[in-house]
Amino acid sequence: MRLTKSTDIALRIAMRLAVLDEEANPTTREVAEAVGVPYTHAAKVVSRLQHLGVVSARRGRGGGLSLTTPGRTGSLGLLLRELEGTGDVVGCEDEPPCPLRSACRLRGILRTAQEAFFATLDPLSIGDLVTAPTGPVLLGLTPRPGLTPGPGLTARPEPVAGPTG
């Protein structure tokens, strides 16, 4: 199983926001530059994350992006289910449909494996992903020349990882 590019970008953006202090409020463009993704992709992903309640986005002076409390502490498995969907890993019902679909065991086995993947991530959160050594690396990411970080782009205290079950 491989995550979609949009999910990869969503996780990068959420992790970057998780390590910035609460006053940072970087723009979508600044975050896109820092995590190395095209602005247009980042804008679509930020919109989706905002719809899911993971990211707060404010326009205008003093605006920018921030990670919400549910975005920081919510289940990573649940977030990935929302971003990836829980459809079949294989295209049994695609056009043309697989001729084995009525007697194939693969579909059920892959669904069980997919759920085990999500279940492994259920007790984790974005906050868990940014503990050392990842957090310091995320803090070291800087926008490319031409974009200057605004005030407040400093480290947030590293979250304390709780039990992960």
N, C-alpha and C. Protein backbone atom coordinates (compact mmCIF):
# COMPACT_ATOMS: atom_id res chain seq x y z
N MET A 1 0.85 -1.18 0.00
CA MET A 1 0.00 0.00 0.00
C MET A 1 0.90 1.24 0.00
N ARG A 2 0.51 2.21 -0.78
CA ARG A 2 1.26 3.46 -0.86
C ARG A 2 0.28 4.61 -0.70
N LEU A 3 0.67 5.59 0.12
CA LEU A 3 -0.19 6.75 0.33
C LEU A 3 -0.18 7.63 -0.91
N THR A 4 -1.29 8.32 -1.14
CA THR A 4 -1.35 9.24 -2.27
C THR A 4 -0.44 10.43 -2.00
N LYS A 5 -0.10 11.13 -3.06
CA LYS A 5 0.74 12.32 -2.95
C LYS A 5 0.04 13.37 -2.07
N SER A 6 -1.27 13.50 -2.19
CA SER A 6 -2.01 14.48 -1.37
C SER A 6 -1.89 14.16 0.12
N THR A 7 -1.97 12.89 0.46
CA THR A 7 -1.84 12.50 1.87
C THR A 7 -0.43 12.77 2.36
N ASP A 8 0.56 12.48 1.54
CA ASP A 8 1.95 12.76 1.89
C ASP A 8 2.12 14.26 2.17
N ILE A 9 1.60 15.09 1.30
CA ILE A 9 1.70 16.54 1.47
C ILE A 9 0.95 16.98 2.73
N ALA A 10 -0.22 16.41 2.97
CA ALA A 10 -1.00 16.76 4.16
C ALA A 10 -0.23 16.46 5.44
N LEU A 11 0.42 15.31 5.48
CA LEU A 11 1.20 14.94 6.67
C LEU A 11 2.40 15.87 6.85
N ARG A 12 3.08 16.20 5.76
CA ARG A 12 4.22 17.12 5.85
C ARG A 12 3.77 18.48 6.38
N ILE A 13 2.67 18.99 5.84
CA ILE A 13 2.17 20.30 6.27
C ILE A 13 1.78 20.27 7.74
N ALA A 14 1.03 19.25 8.15
CA ALA A 14 0.60 19.15 9.55
C ALA A 14 1.81 19.04 10.48
N MET A 15 2.79 18.26 10.09
CA MET A 15 3.98 18.10 10.93
C MET A 15 4.76 19.41 11.02
N ARG A 16 4.88 20.13 9.92
CA ARG A 16 5.58 21.41 9.95
C ARG A 16 4.86 22.38 10.89
N LEU A 17 3.53 22.45 10.78
CA LEU A 17 2.77 23.36 11.64
C LEU A 17 2.87 22.94 13.11
N ALA A 18 3.02 21.65 13.36
CA ALA A 18 3.07 21.15 14.73
C ALA A 18 4.31 21.61 15.49
N VAL A 19 5.38 21.93 14.78
CA VAL A 19 6.61 22.32 15.48
C VAL A 19 6.79 23.84 15.60
N LEU A 20 5.93 24.60 14.95
CA LEU A 20 6.05 26.05 15.01
C LEU A 20 5.32 26.59 16.23
N ASP A 21 5.79 27.71 16.76
CA ASP A 21 5.09 28.28 17.91
C ASP A 21 3.74 28.84 17.48
N GLU A 22 2.88 29.07 18.44
CA GLU A 22 1.49 29.43 18.15
C GLU A 22 1.33 30.77 17.45
N GLU A 23 2.32 31.65 17.53
CA GLU A 23 2.23 32.95 16.89
C GLU A 23 2.80 32.94 15.47
N ALA A 24 3.36 31.83 15.03
CA ALA A 24 4.02 31.78 13.73
C ALA A 24 3.06 32.08 12.58
N ASN A 25 1.97 31.35 12.49
CA ASN A 25 0.96 31.53 11.45
C ASN A 25 1.56 31.73 10.06
N PRO A 26 2.34 30.78 9.56
CA PRO A 26 2.91 30.92 8.23
C PRO A 26 1.81 30.86 7.16
N THR A 27 2.12 31.39 6.00
CA THR A 27 1.17 31.31 4.89
C THR A 27 1.28 29.93 4.25
N THR A 28 0.31 29.61 3.44
CA THR A 28 0.36 28.35 2.69
C THR A 28 1.60 28.31 1.82
N ARG A 29 1.93 29.43 1.20
CA ARG A 29 3.11 29.49 0.34
C ARG A 29 4.38 29.22 1.14
N GLU A 30 4.50 29.79 2.33
CA GLU A 30 5.69 29.57 3.16
C GLU A 30 5.81 28.10 3.58
N VAL A 31 4.70 27.50 3.96
CA VAL A 31 4.74 26.08 4.36
C VAL A 31 5.06 25.21 3.16
N ALA A 32 4.47 25.51 2.01
CA ALA A 32 4.75 24.74 0.79
C ALA A 32 6.23 24.79 0.46
N GLU A 33 6.81 25.97 0.53
CA GLU A 33 8.24 26.12 0.25
C GLU A 33 9.08 25.35 1.25
N ALA A 34 8.72 25.44 2.52
CA ALA A 34 9.50 24.77 3.56
C ALA A 34 9.49 23.25 3.42
N VAL A 35 8.35 22.68 3.05
CA VAL A 35 8.26 21.22 2.95
C VAL A 35 8.50 20.71 1.53
N GLY A 36 8.82 21.64 0.62
CA GLY A 36 9.23 21.24 -0.71
C GLY A 36 8.13 20.72 -1.61
N VAL A 37 6.97 21.36 -1.59
CA VAL A 37 5.88 20.96 -2.46
C VAL A 37 5.36 22.17 -3.23
N PRO A 38 4.79 21.95 -4.41
CA PRO A 38 4.24 23.07 -5.17
C PRO A 38 3.11 23.77 -4.41
N TYR A 39 3.07 25.09 -4.52
CA TYR A 39 2.05 25.87 -3.83
C TYR A 39 0.63 25.42 -4.20
N THR A 40 0.39 25.15 -5.47
CA THR A 40 -0.97 24.77 -5.89
C THR A 40 -1.42 23.48 -5.21
N HIS A 41 -0.52 22.53 -5.07
CA HIS A 41 -0.86 21.28 -4.37
C HIS A 41 -1.11 21.56 -2.90
N ALA A 42 -0.22 22.37 -2.30
CA ALA A 42 -0.36 22.68 -0.88
C ALA A 42 -1.68 23.39 -0.61
N ALA A 43 -2.08 24.30 -1.48
CA ALA A 43 -3.33 25.04 -1.28
C ALA A 43 -4.53 24.10 -1.27
N LYS A 44 -4.55 23.13 -2.17
CA LYS A 44 -5.65 22.15 -2.20
C LYS A 44 -5.66 21.31 -0.93
N VAL A 45 -4.48 20.89 -0.50
CA VAL A 45 -4.36 20.05 0.69
C VAL A 45 -4.76 20.84 1.95
N VAL A 46 -4.32 22.09 2.04
CA VAL A 46 -4.68 22.93 3.19
C VAL A 46 -6.20 23.09 3.25
N SER A 47 -6.83 23.27 2.11
CA SER A 47 -8.29 23.38 2.09
C SER A 47 -8.94 22.11 2.64
N ARG A 48 -8.43 20.97 2.24
CA ARG A 48 -8.96 19.68 2.74
C ARG A 48 -8.71 19.54 4.24
N LEU A 49 -7.51 19.88 4.69
CA LEU A 49 -7.19 19.80 6.13
C LEU A 49 -8.05 20.76 6.93
N GLN A 50 -8.34 21.91 6.37
CA GLN A 50 -9.22 22.87 7.04
C GLN A 50 -10.63 22.30 7.15
N HIS A 51 -11.11 21.70 6.08
CA HIS A 51 -12.44 21.07 6.08
C HIS A 51 -12.53 19.95 7.13
N LEU A 52 -11.43 19.23 7.33
CA LEU A 52 -11.39 18.13 8.31
C LEU A 52 -11.17 18.63 9.74
N GLY A 53 -10.91 19.93 9.91
CA GLY A 53 -10.71 20.49 11.24
C GLY A 53 -9.30 20.29 11.78
N VAL A 54 -8.36 19.97 10.92
CA VAL A 54 -6.98 19.73 11.32
C VAL A 54 -6.19 21.04 11.33
N VAL A 55 -6.49 21.90 10.38
CA VAL A 55 -5.77 23.16 10.21
C VAL A 55 -6.76 24.31 10.27
N SER A 56 -6.33 25.39 10.89
CA SER A 56 -7.09 26.63 10.90
C SER A 56 -6.37 27.58 9.94
N ALA A 57 -7.13 28.21 9.05
CA ALA A 57 -6.54 29.15 8.10
C ALA A 57 -7.28 30.47 8.20
N ARG A 58 -6.50 31.54 8.39
CA ARG A 58 -7.08 32.88 8.48
C ARG A 58 -6.45 33.75 7.41
N ARG A 59 -7.29 34.56 6.76
CA ARG A 59 -6.82 35.47 5.71
C ARG A 59 -6.48 36.83 6.29
N GLY A 60 -5.72 37.58 5.52
CA GLY A 60 -5.46 38.97 5.86
C GLY A 60 -4.32 39.16 6.83
N ARG A 61 -4.19 40.41 7.25
CA ARG A 61 -3.12 40.79 8.18
C ARG A 61 -3.25 39.97 9.47
N GLY A 62 -2.16 39.38 9.89
CA GLY A 62 -2.17 38.55 11.09
C GLY A 62 -2.73 37.17 10.84
N GLY A 63 -3.06 36.87 9.59
CA GLY A 63 -3.60 35.56 9.26
C GLY A 63 -2.51 34.54 9.03
N GLY A 64 -2.90 33.42 8.52
CA GLY A 64 -1.96 32.34 8.24
C GLY A 64 -2.53 31.01 8.70
N LEU A 65 -1.68 30.03 8.76
CA LEU A 65 -2.08 28.67 9.11
C LEU A 65 -1.65 28.31 10.52
N SER A 66 -2.46 27.48 11.15
CA SER A 66 -2.06 26.90 12.43
C SER A 66 -2.73 25.53 12.54
N LEU A 67 -2.09 24.67 13.30
CA LEU A 67 -2.63 23.34 13.55
C LEU A 67 -3.61 23.45 14.70
N THR A 68 -4.79 22.87 14.55
CA THR A 68 -5.78 22.90 15.62
C THR A 68 -5.41 21.87 16.69
N THR A 69 -6.02 21.98 17.84
CA THR A 69 -5.78 20.99 18.89
C THR A 69 -6.18 19.59 18.42
N PRO A 70 -7.37 19.42 17.81
CA PRO A 70 -7.69 18.08 17.29
C PRO A 70 -6.70 17.62 16.21
N GLY A 71 -6.17 18.57 15.44
CA GLY A 71 -5.17 18.23 14.43
C GLY A 71 -3.89 17.72 15.06
N ARG A 72 -3.52 18.28 16.19
CA ARG A 72 -2.29 17.89 16.88
C ARG A 72 -2.45 16.57 17.64
N THR A 73 -3.63 16.36 18.25
CA THR A 73 -3.79 15.23 19.17
C THR A 73 -4.70 14.12 18.66
N GLY A 74 -5.39 14.36 17.55
CA GLY A 74 -6.32 13.36 17.03
C GLY A 74 -5.60 12.13 16.48
N SER A 75 -6.36 11.09 16.27
CA SER A 75 -5.83 9.82 15.78
C SER A 75 -5.26 9.95 14.37
N LEU A 76 -4.02 9.54 14.20
CA LEU A 76 -3.38 9.53 12.90
C LEU A 76 -4.08 8.53 11.97
N GLY A 77 -4.48 7.39 12.52
CA GLY A 77 -5.19 6.39 11.72
C GLY A 77 -6.50 6.95 11.18
N LEU A 78 -7.24 7.66 12.02
CA LEU A 78 -8.50 8.26 11.58
C LEU A 78 -8.25 9.31 10.51
N LEU A 79 -7.23 10.13 10.69
CA LEU A 79 -6.90 11.14 9.70
C LEU A 79 -6.56 10.48 8.35
N LEU A 80 -5.77 9.43 8.38
CA LEU A 80 -5.42 8.75 7.13
C LEU A 80 -6.62 8.08 6.49
N ARG A 81 -7.53 7.55 7.28
CA ARG A 81 -8.76 6.99 6.71
C ARG A 81 -9.54 8.08 5.97
N GLU A 82 -9.60 9.28 6.57
CA GLU A 82 -10.30 10.40 5.93
C GLU A 82 -9.60 10.83 4.65
N LEU A 83 -8.29 10.92 4.68
CA LEU A 83 -7.53 11.38 3.52
C LEU A 83 -7.46 10.34 2.41
N GLU A 84 -7.29 9.09 2.77
CA GLU A 84 -7.10 8.03 1.78
C GLU A 84 -8.40 7.34 1.38
N GLY A 85 -9.36 7.35 2.28
CA GLY A 85 -10.56 6.56 2.03
C GLY A 85 -10.31 5.11 2.42
N THR A 86 -11.36 4.36 2.51
CA THR A 86 -11.21 2.97 2.94
C THR A 86 -11.69 2.00 1.87
N GLY A 87 -11.66 2.45 0.62
CA GLY A 87 -12.07 1.59 -0.48
C GLY A 87 -11.10 0.43 -0.67
N ASP A 88 -11.45 -0.43 -1.59
CA ASP A 88 -10.61 -1.60 -1.86
C ASP A 88 -9.24 -1.20 -2.38
N VAL A 89 -8.24 -1.97 -1.98
CA VAL A 89 -6.87 -1.75 -2.43
C VAL A 89 -6.73 -2.16 -3.90
N VAL A 90 -7.49 -3.15 -4.30
CA VAL A 90 -7.47 -3.64 -5.69
C VAL A 90 -8.79 -3.29 -6.36
N GLY A 91 -8.77 -3.23 -7.67
CA GLY A 91 -9.94 -2.81 -8.44
C GLY A 91 -10.83 -3.95 -8.90
N CYS A 92 -11.39 -4.69 -7.97
CA CYS A 92 -12.24 -5.84 -8.31
C CYS A 92 -13.45 -5.43 -9.15
N GLU A 93 -13.98 -4.25 -8.89
CA GLU A 93 -15.19 -3.80 -9.58
C GLU A 93 -14.91 -2.79 -10.68
N ASP A 94 -13.62 -2.59 -11.00
CA ASP A 94 -13.27 -1.66 -12.07
C ASP A 94 -13.86 -2.14 -13.39
N GLU A 95 -13.71 -1.34 -14.41
CA GLU A 95 -14.20 -1.71 -15.73
C GLU A 95 -13.02 -2.15 -16.57
N PRO A 96 -12.93 -3.32 -17.07
CA PRO A 96 -13.87 -4.41 -16.83
C PRO A 96 -13.64 -5.02 -15.45
N PRO A 97 -14.70 -5.54 -14.84
CA PRO A 97 -14.54 -6.16 -13.51
C PRO A 97 -13.67 -7.42 -13.59
N CYS A 98 -13.01 -7.68 -12.47
CA CYS A 98 -12.15 -8.86 -12.40
C CYS A 98 -13.00 -10.12 -12.51
N PRO A 99 -12.63 -11.07 -13.37
CA PRO A 99 -13.41 -12.30 -13.50
C PRO A 99 -13.33 -13.21 -12.27
N LEU A 100 -12.39 -12.94 -11.37
CA LEU A 100 -12.24 -13.77 -10.17
C LEU A 100 -13.03 -13.23 -8.98
N ARG A 101 -13.68 -12.09 -9.12
CA ARG A 101 -14.26 -11.40 -7.96
C ARG A 101 -15.26 -12.22 -7.16
N SER A 102 -15.94 -13.15 -7.75
CA SER A 102 -16.93 -13.92 -7.00
C SER A 102 -16.30 -15.04 -6.18
N ALA A 103 -15.06 -15.41 -6.47
CA ALA A 103 -14.44 -16.53 -5.75
C ALA A 103 -13.03 -16.19 -5.26
N CYS A 104 -12.66 -14.93 -5.27
CA CYS A 104 -11.29 -14.56 -4.92
C CYS A 104 -11.16 -14.25 -3.43
N ARG A 105 -10.12 -14.74 -2.81
CA ARG A 105 -9.86 -14.47 -1.40
C ARG A 105 -8.98 -13.23 -1.22
N LEU A 106 -8.34 -12.78 -2.28
CA LEU A 106 -7.40 -11.66 -2.20
C LEU A 106 -8.05 -10.39 -1.68
N ARG A 107 -9.24 -10.07 -2.15
CA ARG A 107 -9.92 -8.83 -1.75
C ARG A 107 -10.09 -8.76 -0.23
N GLY A 108 -10.57 -9.82 0.38
CA GLY A 108 -10.77 -9.86 1.83
C GLY A 108 -9.47 -9.79 2.60
N ILE A 109 -8.46 -10.48 2.10
CA ILE A 109 -7.16 -10.47 2.77
C ILE A 109 -6.55 -9.08 2.72
N LEU A 110 -6.65 -8.42 1.57
CA LEU A 110 -6.11 -7.07 1.44
C LEU A 110 -6.89 -6.07 2.29
N ARG A 111 -8.19 -6.25 2.41
CA ARG A 111 -8.99 -5.36 3.28
C ARG A 111 -8.55 -5.53 4.74
N THR A 112 -8.29 -6.77 5.17
CA THR A 112 -7.82 -7.02 6.53
C THR A 112 -6.44 -6.38 6.74
N ALA A 113 -5.57 -6.50 5.75
CA ALA A 113 -4.24 -5.89 5.85
C ALA A 113 -4.34 -4.36 5.90
N GLN A 114 -5.24 -3.80 5.10
CA GLN A 114 -5.43 -2.35 5.09
C GLN A 114 -5.92 -1.87 6.46
N GLU A 115 -6.85 -2.58 7.04
CA GLU A 115 -7.37 -2.19 8.36
C GLU A 115 -6.29 -2.33 9.43
N ALA A 116 -5.44 -3.35 9.31
CA ALA A 116 -4.32 -3.50 10.26
C ALA A 116 -3.36 -2.32 10.14
N PHE A 117 -3.14 -1.84 8.93
CA PHE A 117 -2.30 -0.66 8.69
C PHE A 117 -2.87 0.54 9.43
N PHE A 118 -4.16 0.82 9.21
CA PHE A 118 -4.81 1.95 9.88
C PHE A 118 -4.83 1.76 11.40
N ALA A 119 -5.11 0.55 11.85
CA ALA A 119 -5.19 0.28 13.29
C ALA A 119 -3.84 0.52 13.98
N THR A 120 -2.75 0.25 13.28
CA THR A 120 -1.42 0.51 13.83
C THR A 120 -1.22 2.00 14.07
N LEU A 121 -1.85 2.83 13.24
CA LEU A 121 -1.70 4.28 13.34
C LEU A 121 -2.73 4.93 14.26
N ASP A 122 -3.78 4.20 14.62
CA ASP A 122 -4.86 4.77 15.45
C ASP A 122 -4.38 5.41 16.75
N PRO A 123 -3.47 4.79 17.51
CA PRO A 123 -3.08 5.41 18.79
C PRO A 123 -2.09 6.56 18.65
N LEU A 124 -1.62 6.83 17.44
CA LEU A 124 -0.63 7.88 17.22
C LEU A 124 -1.30 9.17 16.78
N SER A 125 -0.58 10.29 16.94
CA SER A 125 -1.08 11.60 16.52
C SER A 125 0.02 12.34 15.78
N ILE A 126 -0.33 13.46 15.17
CA ILE A 126 0.68 14.31 14.53
C ILE A 126 1.72 14.74 15.57
N GLY A 127 1.27 15.04 16.79
CA GLY A 127 2.19 15.41 17.86
C GLY A 127 3.23 14.34 18.12
N ASP A 128 2.83 13.07 18.03
CA ASP A 128 3.77 11.97 18.22
C ASP A 128 4.82 11.93 17.10
N LEU A 129 4.45 12.35 15.92
CA LEU A 129 5.35 12.28 14.77
C LEU A 129 6.47 13.32 14.81
N VAL A 130 6.29 14.36 15.61
CA VAL A 130 7.27 15.46 15.58
C VAL A 130 8.22 15.46 16.77
N THR A 131 8.24 14.39 17.54
CA THR A 131 9.24 14.30 18.60
C THR A 131 10.60 14.06 17.95
N ALA A 132 11.67 14.25 18.72
CA ALA A 132 13.03 14.09 18.18
C ALA A 132 13.18 12.68 17.60
N PRO A 133 13.87 12.54 16.51
CA PRO A 133 14.69 13.53 15.82
C PRO A 133 13.95 14.34 14.76
N THR A 134 12.67 14.06 14.52
CA THR A 134 11.95 14.71 13.44
C THR A 134 11.71 16.19 13.69
N GLY A 135 11.30 16.56 14.90
CA GLY A 135 10.99 17.95 15.21
C GLY A 135 12.12 18.91 14.89
N PRO A 136 13.33 18.64 15.36
CA PRO A 136 14.43 19.55 15.03
C PRO A 136 14.69 19.68 13.53
N VAL A 137 14.52 18.60 12.77
CA VAL A 137 14.69 18.67 11.32
C VAL A 137 13.61 19.57 10.72
N LEU A 138 12.38 19.39 11.18
CA LEU A 138 11.28 20.24 10.69
C LEU A 138 11.53 21.71 11.00
N LEU A 139 12.07 21.99 12.16
CA LEU A 139 12.38 23.38 12.52
C LEU A 139 13.51 23.95 11.66
N GLY A 140 14.38 23.09 11.18
CA GLY A 140 15.48 23.54 10.34
C GLY A 140 15.07 23.84 8.92
N LEU A 141 13.87 23.43 8.52
CA LEU A 141 13.41 23.71 7.16
C LEU A 141 13.14 25.20 7.03
N THR A 142 13.67 25.79 6.01
CA THR A 142 13.44 27.22 5.81
C THR A 142 12.90 27.45 4.41
N PRO A 143 12.09 28.47 4.26
CA PRO A 143 11.60 28.80 2.92
C PRO A 143 12.78 29.13 2.01
N ARG A 144 12.59 28.90 0.74
CA ARG A 144 13.64 29.21 -0.24
C ARG A 144 13.88 30.71 -0.27
N PRO A 145 15.02 31.14 -0.79
CA PRO A 145 15.32 32.57 -0.85
C PRO A 145 14.17 33.34 -1.49
N GLY A 146 13.94 34.53 -0.97
CA GLY A 146 12.85 35.35 -1.47
C GLY A 146 11.68 35.37 -0.51
N LEU A 147 11.56 34.34 0.31
CA LEU A 147 10.52 34.30 1.33
C LEU A 147 11.19 34.43 2.67
N THR A 148 10.82 35.43 3.41
CA THR A 148 11.41 35.60 4.73
C THR A 148 10.43 35.14 5.77
N PRO A 149 10.88 34.34 6.72
CA PRO A 149 9.97 33.90 7.77
C PRO A 149 9.51 35.09 8.59
N GLY A 150 8.24 35.08 8.92
CA GLY A 150 7.68 36.15 9.74
C GLY A 150 8.06 35.97 11.19
N PRO A 151 7.65 36.92 12.03
CA PRO A 151 7.94 36.79 13.45
C PRO A 151 7.27 35.55 14.02
N GLY A 152 7.91 34.96 14.98
CA GLY A 152 7.29 33.83 15.67
C GLY A 152 7.65 32.48 15.09
N LEU A 153 8.49 32.42 14.06
CA LEU A 153 8.87 31.12 13.51
C LEU A 153 9.97 30.52 14.36
N THR A 154 9.59 30.18 15.57
CA THR A 154 10.52 29.60 16.52
C THR A 154 9.97 28.28 17.01
N ALA A 155 10.79 27.59 17.74
CA ALA A 155 10.40 26.25 18.21
C ALA A 155 9.29 26.33 19.25
N ARG A 156 8.40 25.39 19.13
CA ARG A 156 7.38 25.17 20.14
C ARG A 156 7.93 24.07 21.02
N PRO A 157 7.63 24.08 22.31
CA PRO A 157 8.13 22.99 23.16
C PRO A 157 7.73 21.63 22.58
N GLU A 158 8.67 20.72 22.59
CA GLU A 158 8.42 19.41 22.05
C GLU A 158 7.34 18.69 22.84
N PRO A 159 6.34 18.12 22.13
CA PRO A 159 5.27 17.42 22.86
C PRO A 159 5.80 16.19 23.56
N VAL A 160 5.19 15.88 24.66
CA VAL A 160 5.56 14.68 25.39
C VAL A 160 4.74 13.54 24.83
N ALA A 161 5.43 12.51 24.35
CA ALA A 161 4.73 11.37 23.75
C ALA A 161 4.11 10.54 24.88
N GLY A 162 2.84 10.24 24.70
CA GLY A 162 2.15 9.39 25.66
C GLY A 162 2.29 7.93 25.24
N PRO A 163 1.64 7.05 25.96
CA PRO A 163 1.69 5.64 25.62
C PRO A 163 1.07 5.44 24.23
N THR A 164 1.67 4.58 23.47
CA THR A 164 1.18 4.34 22.13
C THR A 164 0.53 2.97 21.97
N GLY A 165 0.17 2.36 23.06
CA GLY A 165 -0.59 1.13 23.04
C GLY A 165 0.15 0.01 22.55
